[in-house]
């Protein structure tokens, strides 16, 4: 099942309630993380029994190249691909110099600006009504390099923020600026920075349950081509190109369905674990996945990373959770017996509880004060082959936090066998904190590398975030 909604306490959240009933019946539920990014603490659908999905770019571009008069080429995108549009240099004008309304090309704002036959830096019908030949759209700083093209009324190219700065710099360098737009259509594999976390994709930590790392995962959610209901906006096409975490979520629902078909006896938690522990964190160019500002994305941007459907089919180990295992977790959130009963739909006594991070989740999100240390246990189930052995490796910031795994080797004789281990997180020295929880943390991973007697190899990665308080 795939849903998208806002963020309220789990016992008041109809989707969280419905999702819990679904997982009690063995039905996997994935939900959109929300489109509130890139601000921190905007993630929604944060219940741990839900797969919370953020959005990433893809390596397909619908390219519209801007060539400035100084021979600088900038790669933008556009859904409006006119046939035979001229590529010669045309005068370039920026209405922003005439006030805010002109900068956004509001109705009537261009009446005193000569845009006829020119390329205009803004968008809208107003440019066409005043005789403009084309448009250049430039992202604001928040959207960075996440380009979301549209089907405009004129030939146009949408540029990222940094390329926009080059355009503005060129405008200020000459009294007769010019530009041309050429359309290359669909290009595959040209963007080596894909996948990149989309600017709009909501970020963690979750305010509802900061001890559960959210979002869980990212998947394709920018410029997704799919079927479109003709009744929507009186549409005349049966397809559309749309962006949002609501585009990413169905991709993950599909991956979950593939895993369920291959492993029909797996629980929703096991399927989620397979997706998270096999995710990848590098882009097509071999660099770490970045965010819209072209800096490495954090675990609060992308969770465990980008989904890898093929590897998720054979994860080696899974972190399983039964529906009743969520009860002590919910009690640990401070919910009353009645509130927990609303979620699980049976009588509950919150006489015992666990910290959020003690839930058998595939990832960790904890908070450490100076000199603090915390220990949590995890139980993994062997879903690979019999006679398999695993060794742990910790990837983290040495000298700032210490992470110790006990035991650091585990062995399985049978498929379905379980083994437990503990992880102790220690804050080794003070790190400057701030009011923004996403700037005062360190991240890393506990990686179990395994092999079996038949030569099979597995890499099971549990991402963690340690927030400094």
Protein backbone atom coordinates (compact mmCIF):
# COMPACT_ATOMS: atom_id res chain seq x y z
CA UNK A 1 0.00 0.00 0.00
CA UNK A 2 1.19 3.53 -0.81
CA UNK A 3 0.00 6.76 0.86
CA UNK A 4 0.88 10.43 1.32
CA UNK A 5 -0.32 12.66 4.16
CA UNK A 6 0.73 15.13 6.86
CA UNK A 7 2.23 14.69 10.35
CA UNK A 8 0.24 14.28 13.59
CA UNK A 9 0.74 12.00 16.64
CA UNK A 10 0.42 8.37 15.67
CA UNK A 11 -2.73 7.79 17.73
CA UNK A 12 -4.44 10.68 15.87
CA UNK A 13 -3.02 9.88 12.44
CA UNK A 14 -5.57 7.95 10.39
CA UNK A 15 -2.87 6.72 8.01
CA UNK A 16 -0.60 5.55 10.84
CA UNK A 17 -3.60 3.79 12.39
CA UNK A 18 -4.61 2.20 9.11
CA UNK A 19 -1.02 1.25 8.36
CA UNK A 20 -0.71 -0.52 11.70
CA UNK A 21 -3.83 -2.56 10.99
CA UNK A 22 -2.32 -3.38 7.60
CA UNK A 23 0.98 -4.66 9.01
CA UNK A 24 -0.99 -6.73 11.52
CA UNK A 25 -2.44 -8.45 8.45
CA UNK A 26 0.98 -8.77 6.79
CA UNK A 27 0.45 -5.91 4.37
CA UNK A 28 3.46 -3.70 3.63
CA UNK A 29 2.85 0.08 3.73
CA UNK A 30 5.03 2.80 2.21
CA UNK A 31 4.33 6.53 2.53
CA UNK A 32 5.73 9.75 1.14
CA UNK A 33 8.15 11.62 3.40
CA UNK A 34 6.56 14.91 2.34
CA UNK A 35 7.57 17.85 0.17
CA UNK A 36 8.67 20.23 2.93
CA UNK A 37 12.41 20.14 2.18
CA UNK A 38 15.09 21.18 2.40
CA UNK A 39 14.25 22.46 5.90
CA UNK A 40 15.03 20.04 8.77
CA UNK A 41 12.34 18.33 10.88
CA UNK A 42 9.83 18.36 8.02
CA UNK A 43 9.53 14.60 7.48
CA UNK A 44 6.03 13.16 7.76
CA UNK A 45 4.64 9.61 7.96
CA UNK A 46 7.33 8.77 10.51
CA UNK A 47 5.75 5.75 12.22
CA UNK A 48 8.32 2.93 12.35
CA UNK A 49 5.88 0.41 10.85
CA UNK A 50 5.76 2.57 7.69
CA UNK A 51 8.46 2.83 5.02
CA UNK A 52 9.02 6.60 4.75
CA UNK A 53 10.19 7.53 1.26
CA UNK A 54 12.11 10.60 0.14
CA UNK A 55 12.67 11.69 -3.46
CA UNK A 56 15.76 11.63 -5.66
CA UNK A 57 16.63 12.73 -9.17
CA UNK A 58 17.19 10.29 -12.02
CA UNK A 59 19.77 10.17 -14.80
CA UNK A 60 17.26 11.13 -17.50
CA UNK A 61 17.32 14.75 -18.64
CA UNK A 62 15.03 16.57 -21.05
CA UNK A 63 17.80 18.95 -21.93
CA UNK A 64 17.48 22.56 -23.04
CA UNK A 65 20.91 24.17 -23.32
CA UNK A 66 21.41 27.89 -22.76
CA UNK A 67 24.34 29.41 -24.66
CA UNK A 68 25.27 32.85 -23.41
CA UNK A 69 26.82 35.51 -25.61
CA UNK A 70 30.20 34.83 -23.99
CA UNK A 71 30.08 31.22 -25.31
CA UNK A 72 29.32 29.70 -21.89
CA UNK A 73 26.93 26.73 -22.17
CA UNK A 74 24.57 25.91 -19.32
CA UNK A 75 22.56 22.70 -19.21
CA UNK A 76 18.94 23.24 -18.25
CA UNK A 77 15.76 21.27 -18.81
CA UNK A 78 12.36 21.88 -20.37
CA UNK A 79 9.19 19.96 -21.15
CA UNK A 80 8.41 22.33 -24.04
CA UNK A 81 10.36 21.02 -27.02
CA UNK A 82 9.40 23.16 -30.04
CA UNK A 83 10.19 21.86 -33.50
CA UNK A 84 12.58 23.99 -35.50
CA UNK A 85 13.09 26.65 -32.83
CA UNK A 86 15.93 28.95 -33.89
CA UNK A 87 19.14 28.73 -31.91
CA UNK A 88 20.65 32.05 -32.90
CA UNK A 89 21.63 34.56 -30.27
CA UNK A 90 18.80 36.86 -29.16
CA UNK A 91 18.86 39.84 -26.78
CA UNK A 92 18.66 38.76 -23.14
CA UNK A 93 16.68 40.82 -20.64
CA UNK A 94 16.16 40.52 -16.88
CA UNK A 95 12.92 42.23 -15.76
CA UNK A 96 14.02 41.97 -12.11
CA UNK A 97 15.81 45.29 -12.45
CA UNK A 98 12.36 46.91 -12.79
CA UNK A 99 10.93 45.67 -9.48
CA UNK A 100 9.60 42.55 -7.79
CA UNK A 101 6.42 42.24 -9.85
CA UNK A 102 8.43 42.36 -13.07
CA UNK A 103 10.85 39.76 -11.71
CA UNK A 104 7.94 37.32 -11.48
CA UNK A 105 6.34 38.61 -14.68
CA UNK A 106 3.05 39.38 -12.99
CA UNK A 107 0.21 40.60 -15.15
CA UNK A 108 0.93 44.07 -16.51
CA UNK A 109 4.45 44.15 -15.09
CA UNK A 110 6.18 44.08 -18.49
CA UNK A 111 4.25 46.87 -20.19
CA UNK A 112 7.16 49.30 -19.82
CA UNK A 113 9.87 46.75 -20.64
CA UNK A 114 10.84 45.89 -24.20
CA UNK A 115 10.82 42.10 -24.34
CA UNK A 116 9.66 41.62 -27.93
CA UNK A 117 11.82 39.11 -29.74
CA UNK A 118 14.01 38.64 -26.68
CA UNK A 119 14.80 35.89 -24.20
CA UNK A 120 13.40 36.90 -20.82
CA UNK A 121 14.55 35.72 -17.38
CA UNK A 122 11.18 34.81 -15.88
CA UNK A 123 8.15 32.78 -16.82
CA UNK A 124 4.50 33.09 -17.65
CA UNK A 125 1.88 34.10 -20.16
CA UNK A 126 2.86 37.74 -19.64
CA UNK A 127 6.12 37.15 -21.52
CA UNK A 128 4.27 35.67 -24.48
CA UNK A 129 1.62 38.40 -24.44
CA UNK A 130 4.36 41.01 -24.73
CA UNK A 131 6.11 39.33 -27.63
CA UNK A 132 8.92 37.52 -25.83
CA UNK A 133 10.71 34.86 -27.87
CA UNK A 134 11.77 32.58 -25.04
CA UNK A 135 12.36 32.30 -21.31
CA UNK A 136 15.06 31.31 -18.86
CA UNK A 137 13.93 30.20 -15.40
CA UNK A 138 16.41 30.23 -12.53
CA UNK A 139 16.08 28.32 -9.26
CA UNK A 140 16.27 30.12 -5.95
CA UNK A 141 18.97 29.20 -3.47
CA UNK A 142 16.72 26.73 -1.59
CA UNK A 143 15.99 24.67 -4.69
CA UNK A 144 19.66 24.65 -5.64
CA UNK A 145 20.29 22.30 -8.54
CA UNK A 146 17.03 20.36 -8.38
CA UNK A 147 15.57 21.22 -11.78
CA UNK A 148 11.85 20.63 -12.21
CA UNK A 149 10.92 21.62 -15.77
CA UNK A 150 7.42 22.46 -16.92
CA UNK A 151 5.50 22.68 -20.18
CA UNK A 152 5.75 26.43 -20.74
CA UNK A 153 3.89 28.68 -23.17
CA UNK A 154 7.18 29.61 -24.89
CA UNK A 155 10.50 27.89 -25.55
CA UNK A 156 12.22 27.87 -22.17
CA UNK A 157 15.03 26.39 -20.13
CA UNK A 158 15.07 25.93 -16.36
CA UNK A 159 18.50 26.31 -14.76
CA UNK A 160 19.84 25.45 -11.32
CA UNK A 161 20.80 28.14 -8.82
CA UNK A 162 24.56 28.06 -9.46
CA UNK A 163 24.11 28.29 -13.22
CA UNK A 164 21.70 31.14 -12.58
CA UNK A 165 24.48 33.03 -10.82
CA UNK A 166 26.57 32.68 -13.97
CA UNK A 167 23.73 34.16 -16.02
CA UNK A 168 23.37 37.09 -13.63
CA UNK A 169 27.13 37.64 -13.67
CA UNK A 170 27.14 37.69 -17.46
CA UNK A 171 24.27 40.20 -17.51
CA UNK A 172 26.28 42.53 -15.31
CA UNK A 173 29.38 42.19 -17.47
CA UNK A 174 28.03 43.55 -20.74
CA UNK A 175 25.68 46.22 -22.02
CA UNK A 176 24.35 43.99 -24.80
CA UNK A 177 23.73 40.53 -23.33
CA UNK A 178 22.46 37.78 -25.62
CA UNK A 179 21.52 34.14 -25.27
CA UNK A 180 20.27 31.20 -27.30
CA UNK A 181 18.31 28.11 -26.30
CA UNK A 182 18.72 24.77 -28.04
CA UNK A 183 16.76 21.62 -27.32
CA UNK A 184 18.41 18.21 -27.27
CA UNK A 185 15.39 16.25 -26.08
CA UNK A 186 15.71 13.21 -23.82
CA UNK A 187 19.22 12.22 -22.75
CA UNK A 188 19.99 9.17 -20.62
CA UNK A 189 23.04 8.74 -18.42
CA UNK A 190 24.55 12.18 -18.97
CA UNK A 191 24.06 13.32 -15.38
CA UNK A 192 26.79 11.78 -13.23
CA UNK A 193 25.45 13.43 -10.05
CA UNK A 194 22.29 11.32 -10.14
CA UNK A 195 20.74 10.21 -7.93
CA UNK A 196 20.64 13.44 -5.95
CA UNK A 197 18.29 14.22 -3.07
CA UNK A 198 15.55 16.51 -4.38
CA UNK A 199 15.33 19.95 -2.81
CA UNK A 200 11.67 19.49 -1.88
CA UNK A 201 12.14 16.08 -0.24
CA UNK A 202 11.34 16.42 3.47
CA UNK A 203 14.16 15.97 5.95
CA UNK A 204 14.61 14.50 9.41
CA UNK A 205 14.94 14.19 12.28
CA UNK A 206 11.32 13.35 12.98
CA UNK A 207 9.75 15.52 15.65
CA UNK A 208 7.27 12.77 16.52
CA UNK A 209 9.85 10.07 17.15
CA UNK A 210 13.44 11.35 16.89
CA UNK A 211 14.77 7.99 18.05
CA UNK A 212 13.74 6.41 14.75
CA UNK A 213 15.85 7.47 11.77
CA UNK A 214 13.61 9.04 9.13
CA UNK A 215 13.24 9.25 6.20
CA UNK A 216 14.02 5.60 5.60
CA UNK A 217 15.07 5.63 1.97
CA UNK A 218 15.03 7.68 -1.23
CA UNK A 219 13.82 6.66 -4.67
CA UNK A 220 13.10 8.23 -8.07
CA UNK A 221 10.81 11.23 -7.58
CA UNK A 222 11.88 14.01 -9.95
CA UNK A 223 10.49 14.38 -13.48
CA UNK A 224 8.69 11.03 -13.41
CA UNK A 225 6.83 10.13 -16.59
CA UNK A 226 3.62 8.23 -15.91
CA UNK A 227 -0.01 7.83 -16.86
CA UNK A 228 -2.27 10.80 -16.11
CA UNK A 229 -6.03 10.94 -15.62
CA UNK A 230 -7.53 13.04 -18.39
CA UNK A 231 -10.09 14.40 -15.92
CA UNK A 232 -7.31 16.19 -13.97
CA UNK A 233 -7.12 19.88 -14.95
CA UNK A 234 -9.02 19.05 -18.15
CA UNK A 235 -5.88 17.33 -19.38
CA UNK A 236 -5.72 16.32 -23.03
CA UNK A 237 -2.77 13.95 -22.60
CA UNK A 238 -2.91 10.51 -21.06
CA UNK A 239 0.56 10.97 -19.56
CA UNK A 240 2.42 13.63 -17.60
CA UNK A 241 5.81 14.40 -16.04
CA UNK A 242 5.47 15.11 -12.31
CA UNK A 243 7.83 15.51 -9.34
CA UNK A 244 7.31 14.87 -5.62
CA UNK A 245 7.80 12.29 -2.90
CA UNK A 246 4.41 10.97 -4.02
CA UNK A 247 6.22 9.92 -7.21
CA UNK A 248 9.01 8.21 -5.25
CA UNK A 249 6.70 6.31 -2.92
CA UNK A 250 5.10 4.12 -5.63
CA UNK A 251 8.56 3.08 -6.81
CA UNK A 252 9.28 1.69 -3.35
CA UNK A 253 5.86 0.06 -3.16
CA UNK A 254 6.71 -1.72 -6.40
CA UNK A 255 10.06 -2.86 -5.03
CA UNK A 256 8.31 -4.16 -1.90
CA UNK A 257 5.86 -6.08 -4.09
CA UNK A 258 8.75 -7.71 -5.97
CA UNK A 259 10.37 -8.75 -2.68
CA UNK A 260 7.06 -10.10 -1.37
CA UNK A 261 6.57 -12.15 -4.54
CA UNK A 262 10.06 -13.63 -4.14
CA UNK A 263 9.67 -14.15 -0.38
CA UNK A 264 5.94 -14.55 0.34
CA UNK A 265 6.51 -15.46 3.99
CA UNK A 266 8.47 -12.33 4.85
CA UNK A 267 6.84 -9.82 7.19
CA UNK A 268 6.48 -6.11 6.32
CA UNK A 269 9.36 -5.35 8.72
CA UNK A 270 11.60 -7.92 7.02
CA UNK A 271 10.85 -6.40 3.62
CA UNK A 272 11.66 -2.94 4.93
CA UNK A 273 14.89 -4.22 6.44
CA UNK A 274 15.93 -5.74 3.12
CA UNK A 275 15.38 -2.41 1.38
CA UNK A 276 17.25 -0.34 3.96
CA UNK A 277 20.27 -2.55 4.59
CA UNK A 278 21.06 -2.95 0.87
CA UNK A 279 20.66 0.70 -0.19
CA UNK A 280 23.57 2.46 -1.90
CA UNK A 281 25.01 5.88 -1.05
CA UNK A 282 27.08 6.76 -4.14
CA UNK A 283 26.05 8.53 -7.35
CA UNK A 284 26.80 7.53 -10.94
CA UNK A 285 30.03 9.51 -10.88
CA UNK A 286 31.38 7.57 -7.93
CA UNK A 287 30.92 10.38 -5.40
CA UNK A 288 28.68 10.32 -2.31
CA UNK A 289 25.04 11.06 -3.07
CA UNK A 290 24.60 14.84 -2.74
CA UNK A 291 21.75 17.15 -1.87
CA UNK A 292 20.41 20.04 -3.95
CA UNK A 293 23.41 22.19 -2.94
CA UNK A 294 25.84 19.62 -4.35
CA UNK A 295 27.24 18.75 -0.92
CA UNK A 296 27.13 15.18 0.46
CA UNK A 297 23.64 14.28 1.65
CA UNK A 298 23.19 13.28 5.28
CA UNK A 299 21.21 10.42 6.75
CA UNK A 300 18.51 12.96 7.65
CA UNK A 301 18.29 13.80 3.94
CA UNK A 302 18.20 10.30 2.50
CA UNK A 303 17.94 7.77 5.33
CA UNK A 304 19.85 4.62 4.42
CA UNK A 305 20.43 5.83 0.87
CA UNK A 306 18.94 5.04 -2.53
CA UNK A 307 16.97 1.85 -3.07
CA UNK A 308 18.75 -1.00 -4.86
CA UNK A 309 15.96 -3.37 -5.97
CA UNK A 310 18.22 -6.21 -7.09
CA UNK A 311 20.23 -6.39 -3.87
CA UNK A 312 17.10 -6.02 -1.73
CA UNK A 313 15.93 -9.39 -3.04
CA UNK A 314 18.83 -11.13 -1.31
CA UNK A 315 19.88 -9.14 1.78
CA UNK A 316 21.46 -12.00 3.75
CA UNK A 317 20.12 -10.80 7.12
CA UNK A 318 16.96 -8.98 8.14
CA UNK A 319 15.86 -7.10 11.24
CA UNK A 320 12.37 -8.41 11.90
CA UNK A 321 9.67 -6.80 14.07
CA UNK A 322 6.37 -8.36 15.11
CA UNK A 323 3.35 -6.03 15.50
CA UNK A 324 3.32 -6.52 19.30
CA UNK A 325 6.98 -5.42 19.45
CA UNK A 326 5.82 -1.87 18.77
CA UNK A 327 3.82 -1.72 22.02
CA UNK A 328 6.73 -1.09 24.44
CA UNK A 329 8.12 1.38 21.89
CA UNK A 330 4.82 3.30 21.86
CA UNK A 331 4.68 3.24 25.65
CA UNK A 332 8.21 4.64 25.66
CA UNK A 333 6.98 7.63 23.66
CA UNK A 334 4.89 8.57 26.69
CA UNK A 335 1.60 7.51 25.15
CA UNK A 336 -1.13 6.48 27.57
CA UNK A 337 -2.67 3.02 27.65
CA UNK A 338 -5.70 4.42 25.84
CA UNK A 339 -3.62 6.06 23.13
CA UNK A 340 -1.62 2.89 22.51
CA UNK A 341 -4.86 0.88 22.49
CA UNK A 342 -6.15 3.20 19.75
CA UNK A 343 -3.19 2.15 17.61
CA UNK A 344 -3.00 -1.59 18.30
CA UNK A 345 -6.76 -2.10 18.73
CA UNK A 346 -6.59 -4.17 21.91
CA UNK A 347 -6.19 -3.65 25.64
CA UNK A 348 -2.70 -2.47 26.60
CA UNK A 349 -0.90 -1.94 29.90
CA UNK A 350 2.13 0.33 29.60
CA UNK A 351 3.82 -1.10 32.68
CA UNK A 352 6.99 -1.65 30.65
CA UNK A 353 8.54 0.38 27.88
CA UNK A 354 11.72 0.69 25.83
CA UNK A 355 13.65 3.65 24.42
CA UNK A 356 12.88 4.36 20.79
CA UNK A 357 16.33 3.23 19.67
CA UNK A 358 15.84 -0.17 21.33
CA UNK A 359 13.20 -1.14 18.75
CA UNK A 360 14.67 -3.78 16.43
CA UNK A 361 14.91 -1.26 13.61
CA UNK A 362 17.47 -1.63 10.79
CA UNK A 363 18.92 1.82 11.59
CA UNK A 364 19.78 3.87 14.69
CA UNK A 365 19.04 7.46 15.72
CA UNK A 366 20.26 8.43 19.19
CA UNK A 367 21.12 11.53 21.21
CA UNK A 368 24.26 11.79 23.34
CA UNK A 369 25.20 14.38 25.95
CA UNK A 370 28.90 15.11 26.68
CA UNK A 371 30.54 12.00 28.13
CA UNK A 372 27.41 9.94 27.59
CA UNK A 373 27.23 6.37 26.30
CA UNK A 374 24.25 4.22 25.37
CA UNK A 375 23.92 0.55 24.49
CA UNK A 376 21.24 -1.00 22.30
CA UNK A 377 20.63 -4.54 21.11
CA UNK A 378 19.58 -5.84 17.73
CA UNK A 379 18.47 -9.26 16.54
CA UNK A 380 19.06 -10.38 12.97
CA UNK A 381 17.53 -13.33 11.14
CA UNK A 382 19.48 -15.30 8.56
CA UNK A 383 17.55 -15.25 5.26
CA UNK A 384 20.59 -16.09 3.15
CA UNK A 385 22.00 -19.59 3.21
CA UNK A 386 22.94 -22.07 5.90
CA UNK A 387 26.47 -22.13 7.26
CA UNK A 388 27.10 -18.42 6.84
CA UNK A 389 29.42 -16.18 8.84
CA UNK A 390 29.44 -12.42 9.33
CA UNK A 391 31.97 -9.92 10.68
CA UNK A 392 31.16 -6.34 11.67
CA UNK A 393 32.94 -3.17 10.61
CA UNK A 394 32.07 0.28 11.96
CA UNK A 395 32.31 3.32 9.69
CA UNK A 396 32.21 6.56 11.68
CA UNK A 397 34.02 9.75 12.79
CA UNK A 398 36.96 8.52 14.83
CA UNK A 399 37.85 10.53 17.90
CA UNK A 400 34.39 12.08 18.15
CA UNK A 401 32.14 9.10 18.78
CA UNK A 402 33.06 5.57 19.69
CA UNK A 403 31.02 2.62 18.44
CA UNK A 404 31.62 -0.89 19.77
CA UNK A 405 29.80 -3.96 18.46
CA UNK A 406 29.59 -7.08 20.67
CA UNK A 407 30.09 -9.73 19.45
CA UNK A 408 31.78 -8.60 16.26
CA UNK A 409 31.34 -12.00 14.62
CA UNK A 410 28.16 -14.03 14.24
CA UNK A 411 27.59 -17.42 12.64
CA UNK A 412 24.47 -19.19 11.39
CA UNK A 413 24.04 -22.92 10.87
CA UNK A 414 20.51 -22.75 9.48
CA UNK A 415 18.29 -20.48 7.42
CA UNK A 416 15.87 -18.69 9.72
CA UNK A 417 18.27 -18.82 12.66
CA UNK A 418 18.50 -15.67 14.78
CA UNK A 419 21.45 -13.96 16.46
CA UNK A 420 21.68 -10.88 18.66
CA UNK A 421 24.37 -8.27 19.13
CA UNK A 422 24.75 -5.03 21.05
CA UNK A 423 26.09 -1.65 19.97
CA UNK A 424 27.52 0.86 22.43
CA UNK A 425 27.71 4.48 21.30
CA UNK A 426 30.03 6.79 23.25
CA UNK A 427 30.55 10.51 22.88
CA UNK A 428 34.33 10.87 23.13
CA UNK A 429 34.68 14.64 23.07
CA UNK A 430 32.56 17.75 22.93
CA UNK A 431 31.31 19.02 19.60
CA UNK A 432 29.77 22.45 19.19
CA UNK A 433 25.98 22.23 19.21
CA UNK A 434 23.43 24.60 17.74
CA UNK A 435 19.69 25.13 17.60
CA UNK A 436 19.51 23.13 14.37
CA UNK A 437 19.55 19.42 15.10
CA UNK A 438 20.83 18.65 11.61
CA UNK A 439 24.07 20.57 12.16
CA UNK A 440 25.08 18.97 15.47
CA UNK A 441 25.40 15.28 14.72
CA UNK A 442 27.67 12.65 13.25
CA UNK A 443 26.65 9.71 11.15
CA UNK A 444 28.05 6.35 10.22
CA UNK A 445 27.13 2.72 9.80
CA UNK A 446 27.49 -0.73 11.28
CA UNK A 447 28.29 -3.06 8.40
CA UNK A 448 28.01 -6.84 8.61
CA UNK A 449 29.99 -8.51 5.82
CA UNK A 450 29.17 -12.17 5.35
CA UNK A 451 29.77 -15.21 3.20
CA UNK A 452 28.53 -18.78 3.07
CA UNK A 453 30.02 -22.14 2.12
CA UNK A 454 28.64 -21.84 -1.42
CA UNK A 455 30.55 -18.62 -2.12
CA UNK A 456 27.65 -16.25 -1.57
CA UNK A 457 28.57 -12.81 -0.25
CA UNK A 458 26.44 -10.31 1.65
CA UNK A 459 26.82 -6.75 2.91
CA UNK A 460 24.24 -5.71 5.51
CA UNK A 461 24.46 -2.02 6.42
CA UNK A 462 22.76 -0.35 9.38
CA UNK A 463 23.03 3.42 9.14
CA UNK A 464 23.15 5.48 12.34
CA UNK A 465 22.93 9.11 13.41
CA UNK A 466 24.25 10.41 16.74
CA UNK A 467 22.79 13.80 17.64
CA UNK A 468 24.77 15.88 20.13
CA UNK A 469 22.78 17.52 22.92
